[in-house]
Amino acid sequence: MLLKIGGRKMKTQVKGNQLIIERTLLVSQERLFQAFTTSEELENWWGPEGWQTKNKRFEFEPGGHWHYCMKCEDQAQGDFYGMESWGLGQFKEIHAPEKFSYQDMFSDEEGNVNTDLPAMEIEVEFIPADGGTKYVATTTLDSAEALEKMLEMGMVEGFNSQMNRLEQYLAK
């Protein structure tokens, strides 16, 4: 699937239980890595448009945790307005500024994992490209069925919206 965004394209591909997302942004590898790995910066763009993220805990190191809340602040989003979505990540490998990996899970405010929703293993790569950096995220779930559940929940659309926010943030 190819989504056109602001003149650039976000490429998504499903391979069994994996979702691969690619997009080139017009910033250096180091700058893009920083936007993904600094708590204050993540709070400025993480989450779909109309949502605000607050980090309760952010330890960017192997074994460190990222506990965050996304809250819908856009009244035009109807029933989603005021809704909170909590997540808990655990960083695994970090190779600055080329890549990092983490496990991402749905949680509650206290950090208890919601086992009704699938956990995701995510590897994020930052590859120098002409005039910028290619972002490649490979998200692996336990099964193709679990991935299908996440796709039905709007995973690609939400991520597309989030990448728009990132691009706008980096342009400032």
N, C-alpha and C. Protein backbone atom coordinates (compact mmCIF):
# COMPACT_ATOMS: atom_id res chain seq x y z
N MET A 1 0.85 -1.16 0.00
CA MET A 1 0.00 0.00 0.00
C MET A 1 0.90 1.23 0.00
N LEU A 2 0.54 2.23 -0.79
CA LEU A 2 1.29 3.47 -0.87
C LEU A 2 0.36 4.63 -0.51
N LEU A 3 0.73 5.42 0.48
CA LEU A 3 -0.05 6.59 0.87
C LEU A 3 0.75 7.83 0.54
N LYS A 4 0.15 8.75 -0.19
CA LYS A 4 0.85 9.99 -0.53
C LYS A 4 0.63 11.00 0.58
N ILE A 5 1.73 11.57 1.06
CA ILE A 5 1.68 12.48 2.19
C ILE A 5 2.53 13.69 1.89
N GLY A 6 1.93 14.84 1.77
CA GLY A 6 2.69 16.07 1.60
C GLY A 6 3.73 15.98 0.50
N GLY A 7 3.40 15.34 -0.62
CA GLY A 7 4.34 15.23 -1.71
C GLY A 7 5.25 14.02 -1.59
N ARG A 8 5.38 13.44 -0.42
CA ARG A 8 6.18 12.24 -0.22
C ARG A 8 5.25 11.07 0.01
N LYS A 9 5.80 9.88 -0.06
CA LYS A 9 4.98 8.69 0.07
C LYS A 9 5.40 7.87 1.26
N MET A 10 4.41 7.32 1.95
CA MET A 10 4.66 6.36 3.01
C MET A 10 4.29 5.00 2.45
N LYS A 11 5.22 4.10 2.48
CA LYS A 11 5.01 2.77 1.95
C LYS A 11 4.74 1.81 3.10
N THR A 12 3.66 1.03 2.98
CA THR A 12 3.37 0.02 3.99
C THR A 12 3.29 -1.33 3.30
N GLN A 13 3.77 -2.33 3.99
CA GLN A 13 3.77 -3.68 3.44
C GLN A 13 3.50 -4.68 4.57
N VAL A 14 2.61 -5.63 4.32
CA VAL A 14 2.33 -6.69 5.28
C VAL A 14 2.98 -7.97 4.77
N LYS A 15 3.76 -8.59 5.66
CA LYS A 15 4.41 -9.88 5.36
C LYS A 15 4.10 -10.81 6.51
N GLY A 16 3.06 -11.63 6.37
CA GLY A 16 2.70 -12.55 7.44
C GLY A 16 2.29 -11.81 8.70
N ASN A 17 3.11 -11.92 9.75
CA ASN A 17 2.81 -11.25 11.02
C ASN A 17 3.59 -9.96 11.20
N GLN A 18 4.12 -9.40 10.09
CA GLN A 18 4.89 -8.16 10.16
C GLN A 18 4.26 -7.06 9.33
N LEU A 19 4.34 -5.84 9.86
CA LEU A 19 3.97 -4.63 9.14
C LEU A 19 5.25 -3.82 8.99
N ILE A 20 5.58 -3.47 7.75
CA ILE A 20 6.77 -2.68 7.48
C ILE A 20 6.32 -1.34 6.91
N ILE A 21 6.78 -0.26 7.55
CA ILE A 21 6.42 1.10 7.14
C ILE A 21 7.70 1.84 6.79
N GLU A 22 7.69 2.51 5.63
CA GLU A 22 8.84 3.29 5.19
C GLU A 22 8.40 4.69 4.79
N ARG A 23 9.23 5.65 5.15
CA ARG A 23 8.98 7.03 4.73
C ARG A 23 10.29 7.81 4.82
N THR A 24 10.55 8.63 3.83
CA THR A 24 11.75 9.46 3.84
C THR A 24 11.39 10.85 4.33
N LEU A 25 12.16 11.35 5.30
CA LEU A 25 11.97 12.69 5.83
C LEU A 25 13.21 13.51 5.52
N LEU A 26 13.01 14.79 5.30
CA LEU A 26 14.08 15.68 4.84
C LEU A 26 14.89 16.27 5.98
N VAL A 27 15.42 15.39 6.83
CA VAL A 27 16.29 15.78 7.93
C VAL A 27 17.42 14.76 8.01
N SER A 28 18.47 15.10 8.75
CA SER A 28 19.60 14.20 8.91
C SER A 28 19.23 12.97 9.75
N GLN A 29 20.03 11.94 9.60
CA GLN A 29 19.85 10.72 10.39
C GLN A 29 19.89 11.05 11.88
N GLU A 30 20.83 11.87 12.29
CA GLU A 30 20.97 12.23 13.71
C GLU A 30 19.75 12.99 14.22
N ARG A 31 19.24 13.91 13.41
CA ARG A 31 18.07 14.71 13.83
C ARG A 31 16.83 13.84 13.97
N LEU A 32 16.63 12.93 13.02
CA LEU A 32 15.45 12.07 13.09
C LEU A 32 15.56 11.11 14.28
N PHE A 33 16.74 10.56 14.50
CA PHE A 33 16.95 9.68 15.66
C PHE A 33 16.62 10.44 16.94
N GLN A 34 17.07 11.68 17.05
CA GLN A 34 16.82 12.50 18.24
C GLN A 34 15.32 12.73 18.46
N ALA A 35 14.57 12.96 17.40
CA ALA A 35 13.12 13.20 17.52
C ALA A 35 12.40 11.98 18.09
N PHE A 36 12.93 10.79 17.83
CA PHE A 36 12.32 9.56 18.31
C PHE A 36 12.82 9.13 19.69
N THR A 37 13.93 9.70 20.15
CA THR A 37 14.57 9.16 21.35
C THR A 37 14.74 10.16 22.48
N THR A 38 14.07 11.29 22.40
CA THR A 38 14.11 12.31 23.43
C THR A 38 12.69 12.52 23.95
N SER A 39 12.51 12.39 25.24
CA SER A 39 11.18 12.47 25.84
C SER A 39 10.43 13.74 25.46
N GLU A 40 11.08 14.89 25.60
CA GLU A 40 10.42 16.16 25.34
C GLU A 40 9.99 16.27 23.88
N GLU A 41 10.83 15.77 22.99
CA GLU A 41 10.48 15.84 21.56
C GLU A 41 9.31 14.91 21.24
N LEU A 42 9.31 13.71 21.77
CA LEU A 42 8.21 12.78 21.52
C LEU A 42 6.87 13.38 21.94
N GLU A 43 6.85 14.08 23.06
CA GLU A 43 5.61 14.68 23.54
C GLU A 43 5.06 15.73 22.57
N ASN A 44 5.91 16.26 21.71
CA ASN A 44 5.47 17.28 20.75
C ASN A 44 4.84 16.71 19.49
N TRP A 45 5.01 15.42 19.21
CA TRP A 45 4.48 14.90 17.94
C TRP A 45 3.94 13.47 18.00
N TRP A 46 4.23 12.70 19.03
CA TRP A 46 3.82 11.30 19.06
C TRP A 46 2.30 11.19 19.17
N GLY A 47 1.72 10.31 18.41
CA GLY A 47 0.28 10.06 18.43
C GLY A 47 -0.41 10.70 17.24
N PRO A 48 -1.63 10.26 16.96
CA PRO A 48 -2.37 10.80 15.82
C PRO A 48 -2.71 12.28 16.00
N GLU A 49 -3.04 12.93 14.90
CA GLU A 49 -3.45 14.33 14.94
C GLU A 49 -4.66 14.47 15.86
N GLY A 50 -4.65 15.51 16.68
CA GLY A 50 -5.74 15.75 17.63
C GLY A 50 -5.51 15.11 18.99
N TRP A 51 -4.40 14.38 19.14
CA TRP A 51 -4.07 13.71 20.40
C TRP A 51 -2.79 14.33 20.95
N GLN A 52 -2.69 14.38 22.27
CA GLN A 52 -1.50 14.90 22.95
C GLN A 52 -0.89 13.78 23.78
N THR A 53 0.42 13.65 23.72
CA THR A 53 1.13 12.62 24.47
C THR A 53 1.86 13.23 25.65
N LYS A 54 1.77 12.55 26.78
CA LYS A 54 2.55 12.89 27.98
C LYS A 54 3.30 11.63 28.41
N ASN A 55 4.58 11.78 28.65
CA ASN A 55 5.40 10.66 29.11
C ASN A 55 5.44 10.65 30.62
N LYS A 56 5.03 9.55 31.19
CA LYS A 56 5.08 9.39 32.64
C LYS A 56 6.48 8.91 33.05
N ARG A 57 7.10 8.13 32.15
CA ARG A 57 8.44 7.58 32.41
C ARG A 57 9.13 7.41 31.06
N PHE A 58 10.39 7.80 30.97
CA PHE A 58 11.13 7.64 29.72
C PHE A 58 12.60 7.41 30.02
N GLU A 59 13.06 6.18 29.83
CA GLU A 59 14.44 5.79 30.09
C GLU A 59 14.99 5.17 28.80
N PHE A 60 15.59 6.01 27.96
CA PHE A 60 16.08 5.51 26.67
C PHE A 60 17.45 4.86 26.86
N GLU A 61 17.38 3.58 27.23
CA GLU A 61 18.56 2.73 27.42
C GLU A 61 18.09 1.28 27.33
N PRO A 62 18.98 0.35 26.98
CA PRO A 62 18.56 -1.05 26.93
C PRO A 62 17.96 -1.48 28.27
N GLY A 63 16.76 -2.05 28.23
CA GLY A 63 16.05 -2.44 29.44
C GLY A 63 15.22 -1.33 30.05
N GLY A 64 15.38 -0.10 29.55
CA GLY A 64 14.63 1.04 30.07
C GLY A 64 13.19 1.02 29.60
N HIS A 65 12.34 1.76 30.31
CA HIS A 65 10.91 1.78 30.02
C HIS A 65 10.45 3.15 29.50
N TRP A 66 9.40 3.08 28.69
CA TRP A 66 8.71 4.27 28.21
C TRP A 66 7.24 4.05 28.51
N HIS A 67 6.70 4.79 29.46
CA HIS A 67 5.29 4.70 29.85
C HIS A 67 4.64 6.03 29.49
N TYR A 68 3.63 5.97 28.63
CA TYR A 68 3.07 7.21 28.09
C TYR A 68 1.55 7.12 27.97
N CYS A 69 0.96 8.31 27.86
CA CYS A 69 -0.49 8.42 27.67
C CYS A 69 -0.76 9.34 26.49
N MET A 70 -1.61 8.88 25.58
CA MET A 70 -2.10 9.72 24.50
C MET A 70 -3.55 10.06 24.83
N LYS A 71 -3.88 11.35 24.77
CA LYS A 71 -5.24 11.80 25.10
C LYS A 71 -5.79 12.60 23.93
N CYS A 72 -7.03 12.29 23.53
CA CYS A 72 -7.67 13.02 22.45
C CYS A 72 -8.14 14.37 22.97
N GLU A 73 -7.64 15.43 22.33
CA GLU A 73 -8.01 16.79 22.72
C GLU A 73 -8.76 17.52 21.62
N ASP A 74 -9.21 16.78 20.61
CA ASP A 74 -9.91 17.35 19.46
C ASP A 74 -11.40 17.00 19.55
N GLN A 75 -12.23 17.99 19.86
CA GLN A 75 -13.68 17.76 20.00
C GLN A 75 -14.30 17.23 18.72
N ALA A 76 -13.71 17.56 17.57
CA ALA A 76 -14.24 17.11 16.29
C ALA A 76 -14.11 15.59 16.11
N GLN A 77 -13.36 14.93 16.98
CA GLN A 77 -13.21 13.48 16.87
C GLN A 77 -14.31 12.72 17.63
N GLY A 78 -15.35 13.44 18.00
CA GLY A 78 -16.56 12.82 18.56
C GLY A 78 -16.32 11.99 19.80
N ASP A 79 -16.68 10.70 19.72
CA ASP A 79 -16.59 9.82 20.88
C ASP A 79 -15.16 9.64 21.40
N PHE A 80 -14.17 9.92 20.56
CA PHE A 80 -12.78 9.79 21.00
C PHE A 80 -12.35 10.95 21.89
N TYR A 81 -13.07 12.09 21.80
CA TYR A 81 -12.71 13.28 22.58
C TYR A 81 -12.64 12.93 24.08
N GLY A 82 -11.49 13.26 24.69
CA GLY A 82 -11.29 12.99 26.11
C GLY A 82 -10.76 11.60 26.41
N MET A 83 -10.77 10.72 25.43
CA MET A 83 -10.30 9.34 25.60
C MET A 83 -8.79 9.32 25.85
N GLU A 84 -8.35 8.42 26.72
CA GLU A 84 -6.94 8.21 26.98
C GLU A 84 -6.53 6.82 26.50
N SER A 85 -5.33 6.72 25.95
CA SER A 85 -4.76 5.44 25.53
C SER A 85 -3.36 5.36 26.11
N TRP A 86 -3.15 4.42 27.02
CA TRP A 86 -1.86 4.25 27.69
C TRP A 86 -1.04 3.18 27.00
N GLY A 87 0.28 3.41 26.95
CA GLY A 87 1.19 2.44 26.37
C GLY A 87 2.41 2.27 27.25
N LEU A 88 3.04 1.10 27.12
CA LEU A 88 4.25 0.80 27.86
C LEU A 88 5.24 0.16 26.90
N GLY A 89 6.39 0.77 26.77
CA GLY A 89 7.44 0.22 25.93
C GLY A 89 8.63 -0.18 26.77
N GLN A 90 9.36 -1.20 26.28
CA GLN A 90 10.62 -1.56 26.91
C GLN A 90 11.68 -1.61 25.82
N PHE A 91 12.68 -0.76 25.97
CA PHE A 91 13.75 -0.68 24.98
C PHE A 91 14.64 -1.91 25.08
N LYS A 92 15.05 -2.39 23.91
CA LYS A 92 15.89 -3.59 23.86
C LYS A 92 17.28 -3.21 23.40
N GLU A 93 17.46 -3.01 22.11
CA GLU A 93 18.77 -2.64 21.56
C GLU A 93 18.76 -1.20 21.09
N ILE A 94 19.90 -0.53 21.26
CA ILE A 94 20.06 0.85 20.79
C ILE A 94 21.41 0.97 20.10
N HIS A 95 21.38 1.42 18.85
CA HIS A 95 22.60 1.65 18.08
C HIS A 95 22.46 3.03 17.44
N ALA A 96 22.79 4.06 18.23
CA ALA A 96 22.62 5.45 17.78
C ALA A 96 23.62 5.79 16.68
N PRO A 97 23.22 6.52 15.66
CA PRO A 97 21.87 6.96 15.30
C PRO A 97 21.21 6.07 14.24
N GLU A 98 21.66 4.82 14.11
CA GLU A 98 21.17 3.95 13.04
C GLU A 98 19.84 3.26 13.35
N LYS A 99 19.67 2.77 14.59
CA LYS A 99 18.45 2.01 14.88
C LYS A 99 18.27 1.77 16.37
N PHE A 100 17.05 1.39 16.73
CA PHE A 100 16.75 0.91 18.07
C PHE A 100 15.56 -0.03 17.97
N SER A 101 15.38 -0.84 19.00
CA SER A 101 14.23 -1.75 19.02
C SER A 101 13.60 -1.72 20.40
N TYR A 102 12.31 -2.02 20.42
CA TYR A 102 11.58 -2.04 21.68
C TYR A 102 10.33 -2.90 21.55
N GLN A 103 9.79 -3.29 22.69
CA GLN A 103 8.50 -3.97 22.74
C GLN A 103 7.48 -2.92 23.17
N ASP A 104 6.35 -2.86 22.47
CA ASP A 104 5.30 -1.89 22.77
C ASP A 104 4.04 -2.63 23.15
N MET A 105 3.45 -2.26 24.29
CA MET A 105 2.27 -2.93 24.80
C MET A 105 1.23 -1.90 25.23
N PHE A 106 -0.02 -2.27 25.18
CA PHE A 106 -1.08 -1.44 25.75
C PHE A 106 -1.05 -1.64 27.26
N SER A 107 -1.32 -0.55 28.00
CA SER A 107 -1.27 -0.65 29.46
C SER A 107 -2.32 0.27 30.07
N ASP A 108 -2.31 0.32 31.40
CA ASP A 108 -3.14 1.30 32.11
C ASP A 108 -2.22 2.36 32.71
N GLU A 109 -2.80 3.27 33.46
CA GLU A 109 -2.06 4.39 34.03
C GLU A 109 -0.94 3.94 34.98
N GLU A 110 -1.13 2.78 35.62
CA GLU A 110 -0.12 2.28 36.55
C GLU A 110 0.96 1.46 35.86
N GLY A 111 0.79 1.21 34.54
CA GLY A 111 1.79 0.43 33.81
C GLY A 111 1.49 -1.05 33.75
N ASN A 112 0.29 -1.44 34.18
CA ASN A 112 -0.12 -2.84 34.07
C ASN A 112 -0.47 -3.13 32.61
N VAL A 113 0.11 -4.18 32.05
CA VAL A 113 -0.09 -4.51 30.65
C VAL A 113 -1.49 -5.07 30.41
N ASN A 114 -2.13 -4.60 29.33
CA ASN A 114 -3.44 -5.10 28.91
C ASN A 114 -3.20 -6.31 28.01
N THR A 115 -3.41 -7.50 28.54
CA THR A 115 -3.13 -8.73 27.79
C THR A 115 -4.24 -9.07 26.78
N ASP A 116 -5.33 -8.29 26.78
CA ASP A 116 -6.38 -8.50 25.78
C ASP A 116 -5.97 -7.97 24.41
N LEU A 117 -4.96 -7.11 24.38
CA LEU A 117 -4.47 -6.55 23.12
C LEU A 117 -3.04 -7.03 22.89
N PRO A 118 -2.67 -7.23 21.63
CA PRO A 118 -1.35 -7.82 21.36
C PRO A 118 -0.18 -6.88 21.63
N ALA A 119 0.92 -7.48 22.08
CA ALA A 119 2.19 -6.76 22.21
C ALA A 119 2.86 -6.74 20.84
N MET A 120 3.70 -5.74 20.62
CA MET A 120 4.37 -5.59 19.33
C MET A 120 5.87 -5.46 19.55
N GLU A 121 6.64 -6.16 18.76
CA GLU A 121 8.09 -6.01 18.72
C GLU A 121 8.38 -5.05 17.57
N ILE A 122 9.08 -3.95 17.86
CA ILE A 122 9.29 -2.91 16.85
C ILE A 122 10.78 -2.62 16.70
N GLU A 123 11.24 -2.68 15.45
CA GLU A 123 12.60 -2.25 15.14
C GLU A 123 12.49 -1.02 14.26
N VAL A 124 13.18 0.05 14.66
CA VAL A 124 13.15 1.31 13.94
C VAL A 124 14.55 1.57 13.38
N GLU A 125 14.61 1.80 12.07
CA GLU A 125 15.89 2.07 11.42
C GLU A 125 15.86 3.46 10.78
N PHE A 126 17.02 4.12 10.77
CA PHE A 126 17.19 5.43 10.18
C PHE A 126 18.33 5.31 9.17
N ILE A 127 17.99 5.36 7.88
CA ILE A 127 18.94 5.10 6.81
C ILE A 127 19.15 6.36 5.99
N PRO A 128 20.40 6.86 5.93
CA PRO A 128 20.64 8.06 5.11
C PRO A 128 20.15 7.83 3.68
N ALA A 129 19.47 8.85 3.15
CA ALA A 129 18.91 8.79 1.79
C ALA A 129 19.14 10.16 1.14
N ASP A 130 18.92 10.24 -0.15
CA ASP A 130 19.12 11.51 -0.86
C ASP A 130 18.35 12.64 -0.19
N GLY A 131 19.08 13.60 0.35
CA GLY A 131 18.47 14.78 0.93
C GLY A 131 17.76 14.56 2.25
N GLY A 132 17.91 13.41 2.86
CA GLY A 132 17.23 13.16 4.12
C GLY A 132 17.55 11.80 4.71
N THR A 133 16.56 11.23 5.37
CA THR A 133 16.72 9.95 6.05
C THR A 133 15.47 9.10 5.82
N LYS A 134 15.71 7.86 5.43
CA LYS A 134 14.59 6.93 5.28
C LYS A 134 14.33 6.28 6.64
N TYR A 135 13.09 6.41 7.09
CA TYR A 135 12.62 5.80 8.32
C TYR A 135 12.00 4.46 7.93
N VAL A 136 12.43 3.38 8.59
CA VAL A 136 11.86 2.05 8.33
C VAL A 136 11.50 1.45 9.69
N ALA A 137 10.22 1.16 9.89
CA ALA A 137 9.76 0.51 11.11
C ALA A 137 9.21 -0.86 10.75
N THR A 138 9.73 -1.89 11.40
CA THR A 138 9.22 -3.24 11.22
C THR A 138 8.56 -3.65 12.52
N THR A 139 7.25 -3.83 12.47
CA THR A 139 6.45 -4.21 13.63
C THR A 139 6.07 -5.68 13.49
N THR A 140 6.44 -6.48 14.48
CA THR A 140 6.17 -7.92 14.46
C THR A 140 5.22 -8.26 15.59
N LEU A 141 4.15 -8.98 15.23
CA LEU A 141 3.19 -9.47 16.23
C LEU A 141 3.29 -10.99 16.30
N ASP A 142 2.63 -11.58 17.29
CA ASP A 142 2.71 -13.04 17.48
C ASP A 142 2.14 -13.84 16.32
N SER A 143 1.17 -13.24 15.61
CA SER A 143 0.51 -13.97 14.53
C SER A 143 -0.03 -13.01 13.49
N ALA A 144 -0.34 -13.54 12.32
CA ALA A 144 -0.97 -12.74 11.27
C ALA A 144 -2.35 -12.26 11.74
N GLU A 145 -3.03 -13.08 12.55
CA GLU A 145 -4.35 -12.71 13.07
C GLU A 145 -4.24 -11.51 14.02
N ALA A 146 -3.21 -11.50 14.86
CA ALA A 146 -3.01 -10.37 15.78
C ALA A 146 -2.72 -9.10 14.99
N LEU A 147 -1.92 -9.23 13.92
CA LEU A 147 -1.63 -8.07 13.08
C LEU A 147 -2.91 -7.58 12.42
N GLU A 148 -3.73 -8.49 11.93
CA GLU A 148 -4.99 -8.11 11.29
C GLU A 148 -5.88 -7.34 12.27
N LYS A 149 -5.90 -7.77 13.53
CA LYS A 149 -6.68 -7.07 14.56
C LYS A 149 -6.20 -5.63 14.71
N MET A 150 -4.87 -5.44 14.73
CA MET A 150 -4.31 -4.10 14.87
C MET A 150 -4.61 -3.25 13.62
N LEU A 151 -4.54 -3.85 12.45
CA LEU A 151 -4.85 -3.12 11.22
C LEU A 151 -6.31 -2.69 11.22
N GLU A 152 -7.21 -3.55 11.70
CA GLU A 152 -8.63 -3.21 11.78
C GLU A 152 -8.88 -2.07 12.77
N MET A 153 -8.00 -1.94 13.77
CA MET A 153 -8.12 -0.86 14.76
C MET A 153 -7.61 0.47 14.20
N GLY A 154 -7.07 0.47 12.97
CA GLY A 154 -6.62 1.72 12.35
C GLY A 154 -5.15 2.02 12.56
N MET A 155 -4.34 0.99 12.76
CA MET A 155 -2.91 1.17 13.01
C MET A 155 -2.21 1.98 11.91
N VAL A 156 -2.47 1.66 10.65
CA VAL A 156 -1.80 2.35 9.55
C VAL A 156 -2.27 3.80 9.46
N GLU A 157 -3.56 4.03 9.56
CA GLU A 157 -4.10 5.39 9.48
C GLU A 157 -3.57 6.25 10.62
N GLY A 158 -3.54 5.68 11.84
CA GLY A 158 -3.02 6.40 12.98
C GLY A 158 -1.55 6.74 12.82
N PHE A 159 -0.80 5.79 12.29
CA PHE A 159 0.63 6.05 12.10
C PHE A 159 0.86 7.08 11.00
N ASN A 160 0.07 7.02 9.96
CA ASN A 160 0.15 8.00 8.88
C ASN A 160 -0.07 9.41 9.47
N SER A 161 -1.09 9.55 10.30
CA SER A 161 -1.39 10.83 10.93
C SER A 161 -0.23 11.27 11.82
N GLN A 162 0.34 10.34 12.55
CA GLN A 162 1.47 10.63 13.44
C GLN A 162 2.68 11.09 12.64
N MET A 163 2.94 10.47 11.50
CA MET A 163 4.08 10.87 10.67
C MET A 163 3.87 12.28 10.09
N ASN A 164 2.62 12.62 9.82
CA ASN A 164 2.33 14.00 9.40
C ASN A 164 2.71 14.98 10.50
N ARG A 165 2.36 14.64 11.74
CA ARG A 165 2.71 15.50 12.87
C ARG A 165 4.22 15.61 13.02
N LEU A 166 4.93 14.50 12.85
CA LEU A 166 6.38 14.51 12.95
C LEU A 166 6.97 15.43 11.89
N GLU A 167 6.50 15.31 10.67
CA GLU A 167 7.01 16.14 9.59
C GLU A 167 6.78 17.63 9.88
N GLN A 168 5.60 17.97 10.38
CA GLN A 168 5.30 19.36 10.74
C GLN A 168 6.20 19.83 11.89
N TYR A 169 6.41 18.98 12.86
CA TYR A 169 7.26 19.33 14.00
C TYR A 169 8.70 19.58 13.54
N LEU A 170 9.23 18.72 12.69
CA LEU A 170 10.60 18.86 12.22
C LEU A 170 10.78 20.08 11.33
N ALA A 171 9.72 20.54 10.70
CA ALA A 171 9.80 21.71 9.81
C ALA A 171 9.92 23.02 10.58
N LYS A 172 9.61 22.99 11.87
CA LYS A 172 9.67 24.22 12.70
C LYS A 172 11.09 24.66 12.93
